[in-house]
């Protein structure tokens, strides 16, 4: 058993955390990208598919390419989208 003080501090490092509220994501996109979510993505699921202590992942459709992407959002920074669908042949 670890002391309660330790487990309280380490709780934020778990892989099942509360998601960042969508309103905060909107502000993050505007601050980091200079655009609102709707200007970057045709579709953006406000509910993350995964949440951990350092980041959460959302699914969106990138406007520039039409590709389905995973958007990894750090707790304080926006990280690059990752393509989920292969490009057309």
Protein backbone atom coordinates (compact mmCIF):
# COMPACT_ATOMS: atom_id res chain seq x y z
CA UNK A 1 0.00 0.00 0.00
CA UNK A 2 1.15 3.48 -0.85
CA UNK A 3 0.42 6.46 1.36
CA UNK A 4 -2.79 8.31 0.45
CA UNK A 5 -0.80 11.49 -0.26
CA UNK A 6 1.15 9.64 -2.97
CA UNK A 7 -1.89 8.07 -4.60
CA UNK A 8 -3.71 11.41 -4.64
CA UNK A 9 -0.81 13.02 -6.49
CA UNK A 10 -0.32 10.09 -8.89
CA UNK A 11 -4.03 9.79 -9.75
CA UNK A 12 -3.64 12.28 -12.63
CA UNK A 13 -1.21 9.89 -14.36
CA UNK A 14 -3.82 7.19 -14.91
CA UNK A 15 -5.05 6.15 -18.35
CA UNK A 16 -8.70 6.76 -17.54
CA UNK A 17 -9.19 10.41 -16.74
CA UNK A 18 -11.96 12.92 -17.14
CA UNK A 19 -11.93 14.53 -20.59
CA UNK A 20 -11.14 18.18 -21.11
CA UNK A 21 -14.46 20.03 -21.58
CA UNK A 22 -15.30 20.81 -25.23
CA UNK A 23 -15.37 24.56 -24.53
CA UNK A 24 -11.71 24.33 -23.47
CA UNK A 25 -10.88 22.46 -26.68
CA UNK A 26 -12.50 25.23 -28.71
CA UNK A 27 -10.31 27.83 -26.97
CA UNK A 28 -7.24 25.63 -27.44
CA UNK A 29 -7.82 25.33 -31.19
CA UNK A 30 -8.29 29.09 -31.50
CA UNK A 31 -5.16 29.81 -29.47
CA UNK A 32 -2.87 27.17 -31.02
CA UNK A 33 -4.19 27.04 -34.59
CA UNK A 34 -5.68 30.51 -34.98
CA UNK A 35 -8.89 28.88 -36.24
CA UNK A 36 -12.04 27.41 -34.77
CA UNK A 37 -12.62 23.67 -35.01
CA UNK A 38 -15.27 24.07 -37.74
CA UNK A 39 -12.75 25.82 -40.01
CA UNK A 40 -10.36 22.85 -39.82
CA UNK A 41 -12.72 19.87 -39.73
CA UNK A 42 -15.93 19.05 -41.60
CA UNK A 43 -16.84 16.76 -38.70
CA UNK A 44 -15.32 16.67 -35.24
CA UNK A 45 -16.62 14.34 -32.53
CA UNK A 46 -16.67 16.29 -29.26
CA UNK A 47 -16.56 13.00 -27.34
CA UNK A 48 -13.01 11.64 -27.20
CA UNK A 49 -12.33 8.00 -28.11
CA UNK A 50 -9.58 7.90 -25.49
CA UNK A 51 -8.52 10.00 -22.52
CA UNK A 52 -5.32 9.73 -20.50
CA UNK A 53 -3.38 11.98 -18.17
CA UNK A 54 -1.39 13.76 -20.88
CA UNK A 55 -3.78 13.83 -23.85
CA UNK A 56 -7.08 12.78 -25.34
CA UNK A 57 -7.99 11.67 -28.86
CA UNK A 58 -10.93 12.79 -30.98
CA UNK A 59 -12.04 11.67 -34.45
CA UNK A 60 -12.57 14.27 -37.15
CA UNK A 61 -12.76 14.67 -40.92
CA UNK A 62 -9.97 16.98 -42.10
CA UNK A 63 -11.33 19.65 -44.49
CA UNK A 64 -8.21 19.92 -46.66
CA UNK A 65 -8.17 16.23 -47.60
CA UNK A 66 -11.54 14.83 -46.57
CA UNK A 67 -9.68 12.12 -44.63
CA UNK A 68 -10.85 10.70 -41.35
CA UNK A 69 -8.21 11.61 -38.77
CA UNK A 70 -7.41 11.06 -35.13
CA UNK A 71 -6.79 14.38 -33.41
CA UNK A 72 -4.56 14.07 -30.36
CA UNK A 73 -5.08 16.98 -28.01
CA UNK A 74 -2.57 17.43 -25.21
CA UNK A 75 -3.71 18.79 -21.89
CA UNK A 76 -2.16 22.15 -22.74
CA UNK A 77 -1.20 21.92 -26.42
CA UNK A 78 -2.71 20.80 -29.68
CA UNK A 79 -0.86 18.01 -31.45
CA UNK A 80 -1.00 17.16 -35.16
CA UNK A 81 -3.86 15.08 -36.65
CA UNK A 82 -3.07 11.48 -37.61
CA UNK A 83 -4.66 10.07 -40.79
CA UNK A 84 -6.99 7.11 -40.12
CA UNK A 85 -8.08 6.35 -43.69
CA UNK A 86 -5.65 5.40 -46.45
CA UNK A 87 -5.40 7.82 -49.37
CA UNK A 88 -7.33 7.00 -52.54
CA UNK A 89 -5.29 5.02 -55.11
